Protein backbone atom coordinates (compact mmCIF):
# COMPACT_ATOMS: atom_id res chain seq x y z
CA MET A 1 131.47 74.23 110.92
CA ILE A 2 132.58 77.64 109.67
CA TYR A 3 129.36 79.58 109.66
CA LEU A 4 129.24 82.40 107.10
CA ASP A 5 125.48 82.53 106.52
CA ASN A 6 124.69 85.29 108.97
CA HIS A 7 122.18 87.02 106.69
CA ALA A 8 119.98 83.92 107.06
CA THR A 9 120.26 83.83 110.84
CA THR A 10 122.83 84.44 113.58
CA ARG A 11 124.15 82.52 116.54
CA LEU A 12 122.38 83.36 119.79
CA ASP A 13 124.79 85.44 121.87
CA PRO A 14 125.48 83.71 125.21
CA ARG A 15 124.78 86.99 127.00
CA VAL A 16 121.33 87.05 125.41
CA LEU A 17 120.69 83.48 126.50
CA ASP A 18 121.69 84.38 130.07
CA ALA A 19 119.16 87.22 130.04
CA MET A 20 116.46 84.88 128.76
CA LEU A 21 117.03 81.86 131.00
CA PRO A 22 115.19 83.06 134.12
CA TRP A 23 112.09 83.68 131.97
CA LEU A 24 112.34 80.18 130.52
CA THR A 25 112.54 78.48 133.93
CA ASP A 26 111.47 79.94 137.28
CA ARG A 27 109.89 83.20 136.15
CA TYR A 28 107.22 81.82 133.84
CA GLY A 29 104.23 84.03 134.56
CA ASN A 30 101.92 85.36 131.84
CA ALA A 31 102.52 89.09 131.37
CA GLY A 32 98.78 89.51 131.07
CA SER A 33 98.13 88.10 134.55
CA VAL A 34 98.32 91.03 136.94
CA THR A 35 96.76 89.34 139.99
CA HIS A 36 99.94 87.67 141.24
CA GLU A 37 103.68 88.18 141.48
CA LEU A 38 104.71 85.91 138.63
CA GLY A 39 102.49 87.78 136.19
CA LEU A 40 103.47 91.20 137.48
CA GLU A 41 107.21 90.51 137.20
CA SER A 42 106.74 89.25 133.64
CA ARG A 43 104.87 92.41 132.77
CA ALA A 44 107.66 94.49 134.30
CA ALA A 45 110.21 92.55 132.24
CA VAL A 46 108.26 93.29 129.05
CA ASP A 47 107.99 96.97 129.94
CA ALA A 48 111.74 97.15 130.61
CA ALA A 49 112.48 95.37 127.35
CA ARG A 50 110.25 97.78 125.46
CA ASP A 51 112.22 100.70 126.92
CA THR A 52 115.52 99.05 126.05
CA PHE A 53 114.60 98.18 122.47
CA ALA A 54 113.12 101.64 121.82
CA ALA A 55 116.30 103.28 123.07
CA ALA A 56 118.37 101.05 120.74
CA ILE A 57 116.57 102.38 117.65
CA GLY A 58 115.93 105.96 118.70
CA ALA A 59 112.23 105.50 119.47
CA VAL A 60 110.05 105.76 122.55
CA ALA A 61 108.45 102.80 124.28
CA ARG A 62 104.85 103.43 123.16
CA GLU A 63 106.01 103.15 119.52
CA ILE A 64 107.10 99.50 119.86
CA VAL A 65 104.82 96.53 119.04
CA PHE A 66 106.32 93.12 119.72
CA THR A 67 105.72 90.48 117.04
CA SER A 68 107.05 87.09 115.93
CA GLY A 69 109.60 88.64 113.56
CA ALA A 70 110.19 90.94 110.62
CA THR A 71 107.84 89.04 108.34
CA GLU A 72 104.87 89.55 110.64
CA SER A 73 105.96 93.14 111.31
CA ALA A 74 106.13 93.96 107.61
CA ASN A 75 102.75 92.38 106.99
CA LEU A 76 101.22 94.33 109.87
CA ALA A 77 102.78 97.55 108.58
CA ILE A 78 101.64 97.10 104.99
CA LEU A 79 98.29 95.37 105.35
CA GLY A 80 97.44 97.28 108.53
CA THR A 81 98.08 100.61 106.87
CA ALA A 82 95.97 99.62 103.87
CA ALA A 83 93.15 98.36 106.11
CA ARG A 84 93.07 101.68 107.88
CA ARG A 85 91.99 103.31 104.64
CA GLY A 86 88.91 101.14 104.27
CA GLU A 87 87.67 99.12 101.32
CA GLU A 88 86.41 102.08 99.36
CA SER A 89 89.86 103.59 98.80
CA ARG A 90 92.36 101.06 97.52
CA GLY A 91 95.01 103.69 96.66
CA HIS A 92 98.55 103.21 95.48
CA VAL A 93 101.73 101.67 96.98
CA VAL A 94 105.34 102.05 95.87
CA THR A 95 108.14 99.56 96.54
CA LEU A 96 111.36 98.25 94.94
CA VAL A 97 111.79 95.12 92.80
CA THR A 98 114.62 94.01 95.19
CA GLU A 99 112.54 93.89 98.36
CA HIS A 100 112.34 90.79 100.56
CA HIS A 101 109.29 88.64 99.93
CA ALA A 102 108.01 89.61 103.37
CA VAL A 103 107.25 92.94 101.68
CA LEU A 104 106.67 91.88 98.09
CA ASP A 105 104.09 89.23 98.90
CA PRO A 106 101.71 91.32 101.12
CA ILE A 107 101.92 94.10 98.52
CA GLU A 108 101.04 91.57 95.82
CA HIS A 109 98.08 90.55 98.02
CA LEU A 110 96.91 94.16 98.11
CA GLU A 111 97.29 94.38 94.35
CA ARG A 112 94.92 91.40 93.94
CA LEU A 113 92.42 93.28 96.09
CA GLY A 114 92.59 96.34 93.84
CA THR A 115 95.45 98.47 95.14
CA ALA A 116 97.66 99.93 92.42
CA VAL A 117 101.33 99.05 92.83
CA THR A 118 104.53 100.51 91.38
CA ARG A 119 107.68 98.38 91.70
CA LEU A 120 110.70 100.53 91.00
CA PRO A 121 113.86 99.19 89.37
CA VAL A 122 117.26 99.72 90.97
CA GLU A 123 120.65 100.67 89.59
CA PRO A 124 122.15 97.75 87.64
CA GLN A 125 125.47 96.03 88.37
CA ARG A 126 127.08 97.33 85.21
CA GLY A 127 126.05 100.95 85.25
CA PRO A 128 127.15 104.36 86.48
CA GLY A 129 125.11 104.27 89.71
CA VAL A 130 125.39 102.33 92.94
CA PRO A 131 124.22 98.75 92.22
CA GLY A 132 120.96 97.99 94.03
CA ARG A 133 120.16 101.60 94.93
CA VAL A 134 117.07 103.56 93.90
CA ALA A 135 117.35 107.27 93.26
CA PRO A 136 115.10 109.43 95.48
CA GLU A 137 114.07 111.22 92.27
CA ALA A 138 112.73 107.92 90.92
CA VAL A 139 110.66 107.47 94.06
CA ALA A 140 109.33 111.03 93.73
CA ALA A 141 108.39 110.42 90.10
CA ALA A 142 106.43 107.30 91.05
CA LEU A 143 104.24 109.02 93.63
CA ARG A 144 100.58 109.63 92.72
CA PRO A 145 97.84 111.64 94.39
CA ASP A 146 96.50 108.40 95.90
CA THR A 147 99.88 107.01 97.07
CA PHE A 148 99.53 106.20 100.75
CA LEU A 149 102.59 103.98 101.44
CA VAL A 150 106.12 103.50 100.25
CA SER A 151 108.03 100.42 101.51
CA VAL A 152 111.82 100.19 101.16
CA LEU A 153 114.38 97.68 102.39
CA PHE A 154 117.06 99.69 104.13
CA ALA A 155 119.81 97.04 103.91
CA ASN A 156 119.49 94.43 101.22
CA ASN A 157 119.78 90.85 102.51
CA GLU A 158 121.54 89.52 99.40
CA ILE A 159 123.89 92.22 98.10
CA GLY A 160 124.17 94.47 101.17
CA THR A 161 123.10 97.71 99.44
CA LEU A 162 122.08 100.46 101.88
CA GLN A 163 119.48 102.83 100.54
CA ASP A 164 119.63 106.62 101.10
CA MET A 165 116.63 106.48 103.41
CA ALA A 166 116.76 110.10 104.58
CA ALA A 167 116.50 111.38 101.02
CA ILE A 168 113.74 108.91 100.19
CA ALA A 169 111.84 109.86 103.33
CA GLU A 170 112.03 113.53 102.39
CA VAL A 171 110.21 113.03 99.09
CA VAL A 172 107.71 110.55 100.57
CA HIS A 173 106.75 112.86 103.46
CA ALA A 174 106.58 115.91 101.18
CA HIS A 175 103.93 113.98 99.29
CA GLY A 176 102.02 113.13 102.46
CA ALA A 177 102.54 109.38 102.23
CA SER A 178 103.89 107.02 104.94
CA LEU A 179 107.22 105.21 104.78
CA HIS A 180 107.78 101.64 105.92
CA VAL A 181 111.47 100.70 106.31
CA ASP A 182 112.47 97.04 106.45
CA CYS A 183 115.36 97.06 108.95
CA ALA A 184 115.70 93.30 109.35
CA GLN A 185 119.33 93.20 108.27
CA ALA A 186 120.50 96.49 109.72
CA ILE A 187 120.86 96.32 113.50
CA GLY A 188 124.43 95.67 114.59
CA ARG A 189 125.80 96.28 111.06
CA THR A 190 125.04 99.96 110.45
CA PRO A 191 123.57 102.78 112.55
CA VAL A 192 119.82 102.48 112.99
CA ASP A 193 117.83 105.46 114.20
CA VAL A 194 114.21 105.65 113.13
CA ASP A 195 114.20 109.44 113.12
CA ALA A 196 117.34 109.68 110.99
CA LEU A 197 115.87 107.11 108.62
CA GLY A 198 112.63 109.05 108.39
CA ALA A 199 110.66 105.89 109.13
CA ASP A 200 106.97 105.98 109.98
CA LEU A 201 106.98 102.19 110.30
CA ALA A 202 109.98 99.88 110.67
CA SER A 203 110.26 96.11 110.98
CA PHE A 204 112.85 94.11 112.91
CA SER A 205 113.74 90.50 113.66
CA ALA A 206 115.81 89.43 116.68
CA HIS A 207 117.51 86.44 115.11
CA LYS A 208 119.28 88.67 112.60
CA PHE A 209 121.32 90.32 115.38
CA HIS A 210 122.17 87.41 117.69
CA GLY A 211 118.78 87.28 119.39
CA PRO A 212 116.21 84.46 119.58
CA LYS A 213 114.22 83.21 116.59
CA GLY A 214 110.51 83.87 116.52
CA THR A 215 110.65 87.32 118.08
CA GLY A 216 110.56 90.73 116.40
CA ALA A 217 109.13 94.20 116.61
CA LEU A 218 107.28 96.79 114.58
CA TYR A 219 108.01 100.46 115.15
CA VAL A 220 104.87 102.61 114.70
CA ARG A 221 105.53 106.37 114.85
CA ARG A 222 103.48 108.10 117.58
CA ARG A 223 105.34 111.43 117.62
CA GLY A 224 104.93 114.22 115.10
CA ARG A 225 103.44 112.70 111.94
CA ALA A 226 101.87 109.83 113.86
CA VAL A 227 100.57 106.87 111.86
CA ARG A 228 97.82 104.41 112.60
CA VAL A 229 97.52 100.78 111.48
CA GLU A 230 94.73 98.30 111.88
CA PRO A 231 95.52 95.02 113.70
CA LEU A 232 95.62 91.78 111.78
CA VAL A 233 95.34 89.42 114.76
CA PHE A 234 92.50 89.66 117.25
CA GLY A 235 91.87 87.99 120.58
CA GLY A 236 93.32 89.18 123.84
CA GLY A 237 94.01 92.80 122.93
CA GLN A 238 97.70 92.65 123.85
CA GLU A 239 100.13 95.28 122.58
CA ARG A 240 97.49 97.96 122.95
CA GLY A 241 95.25 96.00 120.64
CA MET A 242 97.81 96.00 117.83
CA ARG A 243 98.79 92.35 118.11
CA SER A 244 96.79 89.94 120.21
CA GLY A 245 98.32 86.84 121.74
CA THR A 246 100.19 85.87 124.88
CA LEU A 247 103.50 87.73 124.99
CA ASP A 248 106.68 85.68 124.57
CA VAL A 249 108.46 87.08 127.61
CA PRO A 250 111.78 85.19 127.14
CA GLY A 251 111.89 86.14 123.49
CA ILE A 252 111.08 89.78 124.15
CA VAL A 253 113.75 89.98 126.85
CA GLY A 254 116.21 88.39 124.40
CA LEU A 255 115.28 90.80 121.62
CA ALA A 256 115.93 93.79 123.84
CA GLU A 257 119.24 92.50 125.17
CA ALA A 258 120.43 91.61 121.66
CA ALA A 259 119.57 95.10 120.42
CA ARG A 260 121.29 96.70 123.39
CA LEU A 261 124.44 94.69 122.80
CA ALA A 262 124.37 95.42 119.06
CA LYS A 263 124.20 99.16 119.60
CA ALA A 264 126.83 99.13 122.33
CA GLY A 265 129.24 97.18 120.14
CA LEU A 266 128.61 98.97 116.83
CA GLY A 267 131.62 101.27 117.03
CA ASP A 268 134.00 98.30 117.35
CA GLU A 269 132.17 95.74 115.24
CA VAL A 270 131.60 97.81 112.07
CA PRO A 271 135.33 98.38 111.40
CA ARG A 272 136.25 94.88 112.52
CA MET A 273 133.73 93.14 110.21
CA ARG A 274 134.65 95.46 107.36
CA ARG A 275 138.33 94.47 107.68
CA LEU A 276 137.37 90.77 107.79
CA ARG A 277 135.06 91.14 104.79
CA ASP A 278 137.76 92.95 102.79
CA ARG A 279 140.28 90.27 103.80
CA LEU A 280 137.85 87.65 102.50
CA TRP A 281 137.41 89.42 99.15
CA THR A 282 141.11 90.01 98.64
CA ALA A 283 141.90 86.39 99.40
CA LEU A 284 139.14 85.11 97.13
CA VAL A 285 140.39 87.21 94.20
CA ALA A 286 143.87 85.82 94.74
CA ALA A 287 142.82 82.20 95.12
CA VAL A 288 139.87 81.82 92.74
CA PRO A 289 140.22 82.79 89.10
CA MET A 290 137.26 84.51 87.44
CA VAL A 291 135.43 85.67 90.58
CA ALA A 292 133.43 88.90 90.39
CA LEU A 293 131.66 91.12 92.92
CA ASN A 294 127.87 91.61 93.04
CA GLY A 295 126.50 94.76 94.63
CA PRO A 296 128.18 98.05 95.56
CA PRO A 297 131.98 98.50 95.72
CA LEU A 298 133.40 97.53 99.09
CA ASP A 299 135.25 100.83 99.65
CA LEU A 300 132.35 103.18 98.85
CA ASP A 301 131.14 105.41 101.70
CA GLY A 302 128.41 107.99 101.81
CA ALA A 303 128.89 111.70 102.47
CA ASP A 304 128.48 110.99 106.17
CA GLY A 305 131.31 108.48 106.12
CA VAL A 306 128.97 105.52 106.64
CA PRO A 307 129.54 102.61 104.21
CA ILE A 308 126.78 102.26 101.63
CA ARG A 309 127.13 98.46 101.77
CA LEU A 310 126.67 96.30 104.83
CA VAL A 311 130.13 95.71 106.21
CA ASN A 312 129.47 91.99 106.84
CA ASN A 313 128.20 91.27 103.34
CA LEU A 314 129.95 89.80 100.30
CA ASN A 315 128.13 88.42 97.26
CA VAL A 316 130.21 86.99 94.45
CA ARG A 317 129.77 85.09 91.21
CA VAL A 318 132.22 82.32 90.28
CA ALA A 319 132.35 81.77 86.55
CA GLY A 320 132.05 78.22 85.29
CA VAL A 321 130.63 76.76 88.51
CA ASP A 322 127.10 75.86 89.47
CA GLY A 323 126.37 77.62 92.76
CA GLN A 324 124.24 74.87 94.26
CA SER A 325 126.93 72.25 93.55
CA LEU A 326 129.52 74.55 95.10
CA LEU A 327 127.38 75.08 98.20
CA ALA A 328 126.87 71.34 98.61
CA SER A 329 130.62 70.72 98.29
CA LEU A 330 131.43 73.45 100.81
CA SER A 331 128.86 72.12 103.26
CA ALA A 332 130.57 68.73 103.11
CA ASP A 333 133.84 70.55 103.75
CA GLY A 334 132.45 72.30 106.84
CA VAL A 335 131.66 75.76 105.44
CA ALA A 336 128.09 77.11 105.67
CA LEU A 337 127.15 79.62 102.95
CA SER A 338 124.13 80.36 100.82
CA SER A 339 123.28 81.65 97.40
CA GLY A 340 120.59 84.08 98.54
CA SER A 341 117.61 84.53 100.81
CA ALA A 342 116.99 81.67 103.20
CA CYS A 343 113.26 82.42 102.97
CA SER A 344 113.35 81.39 99.27
CA ALA A 345 115.49 78.26 99.64
CA GLU A 346 112.55 75.86 99.67
CA HIS A 347 111.46 77.19 96.28
CA PRO A 348 114.78 77.71 94.46
CA ARG A 349 114.51 80.15 91.60
CA PRO A 350 117.07 82.59 90.25
CA SER A 351 117.45 85.39 92.76
CA HIS A 352 115.09 88.25 91.93
CA VAL A 353 117.62 90.61 93.51
CA LEU A 354 120.52 89.57 91.29
CA THR A 355 118.26 89.42 88.25
CA ALA A 356 117.20 92.99 88.99
CA LEU A 357 120.87 93.98 88.80
CA GLY A 358 120.86 92.82 85.16
CA LEU A 359 122.73 89.52 85.70
CA ASP A 360 121.71 86.69 83.37
CA VAL A 361 120.46 83.38 84.72
CA GLU A 362 123.77 81.63 84.27
CA ASP A 363 125.58 84.27 86.29
CA VAL A 364 122.90 84.26 88.98
CA ARG A 365 123.22 80.49 89.41
CA ALA A 366 126.98 80.87 89.96
CA CYS A 367 126.65 83.19 92.99
CA LEU A 368 127.62 82.80 96.64
CA ARG A 369 126.58 85.00 99.56
CA PHE A 370 128.87 85.40 102.56
CA GLY A 371 127.55 86.93 105.78
CA LEU A 372 129.94 87.64 108.64
CA SER A 373 129.15 88.24 112.32
CA ARG A 374 130.69 89.31 115.61
CA PHE A 375 131.80 85.71 116.10
CA THR A 376 133.63 85.38 112.76
CA THR A 377 137.43 85.14 113.07
CA GLU A 378 140.39 85.73 110.75
CA ALA A 379 141.28 82.05 110.96
CA GLU A 380 137.78 81.11 109.80
CA ILE A 381 138.02 83.52 106.85
CA ASP A 382 141.40 82.13 105.74
CA THR A 383 140.27 78.53 106.08
CA ALA A 384 137.00 79.24 104.23
CA VAL A 385 138.87 80.77 101.28
CA ASP A 386 141.14 77.73 101.05
CA ARG A 387 138.12 75.43 100.99
CA VAL A 388 136.23 77.57 98.44
CA ALA A 389 139.26 77.59 96.16
CA ALA A 390 139.63 73.80 96.45
CA ALA A 391 135.94 73.20 95.80
CA VAL A 392 135.94 75.46 92.74
CA SER A 393 138.98 73.67 91.34
CA ARG A 394 137.30 70.31 91.78
CA LEU A 395 134.07 71.38 90.14
CA ARG A 396 135.77 73.12 87.23
CA ALA A 397 137.78 69.99 86.59
CA MET A 398 134.71 67.79 86.31
């Protein structure tokens, strides 16, 4: 199987598995049990992992809360920040229409409880701006006296757009609000530094950067403009009371090792994946008539020289073909792709991200999302293009 669905999940790096194995077998103590060696060594492993993960994102250890993944982290950031305000002050939250549902749904929950919500549009596909981006000026214009939180997806999981987080953070902090940054898709694909992003809260998921599934983290700023959130899970008081429950020591060790490897390899992997992604696009254009790009141009960089689109992302629409039929055909041919967020696959609807770009329903249903990884090869890219072209020809002939 040629796996090009790395925005949905990634292959566990063998080096990460090696780091986890002792904690899955012989070293099985509960990190909360400090009366014996097995518990103490598990606690030491968690402490070391916290240091490692914090260093990978430019934070300090006391700012890291381990969770089950980015969905839980985002919920804790959003609902925990709102709960800190108390029931008498519902306030106002700002987000984007293109956010992941891990952000959109808890914000919708707050709205049902009385919080005012502004969902900002993004630049359309056929317009003068960068598709999928929001202007910092639009964020500033949306802020109200009672705005307490702005939540923005740093790297979009469908079209790869990278937001100008530093500029957004500047207007949010000038207003006195807090900023939650969804970083689920970012590690290993673009530089991630919570200070440079201006994040007060940031959510992460290990399985997006070759770590284990079911493990993630929430960054909660403790330096400077420190923020406080209320816990959502109660019981044992783990994670300094922020997230109760027995710590998943193997998963936490794996998360930290995956983040360390991602940061160490970023300088090599970003240009390599960009070359592969560009090779994929060039070959698709040559082999498949009437294919068009969704999201930002592939060659567009910011003033700092950093690409404004994830280098492993390609989202295309193939005219005259039903995307689901194409995906099924490709799966039978040994190519794994998707049409959008894996978290929405059980309830297939036209992608809210692509719809927000101004695409009509027919175009949205003709889209494919490619996600590359450190394990993707040139040979896989070339073979995948051949199989996509053959599948498109078959379907168009029907």
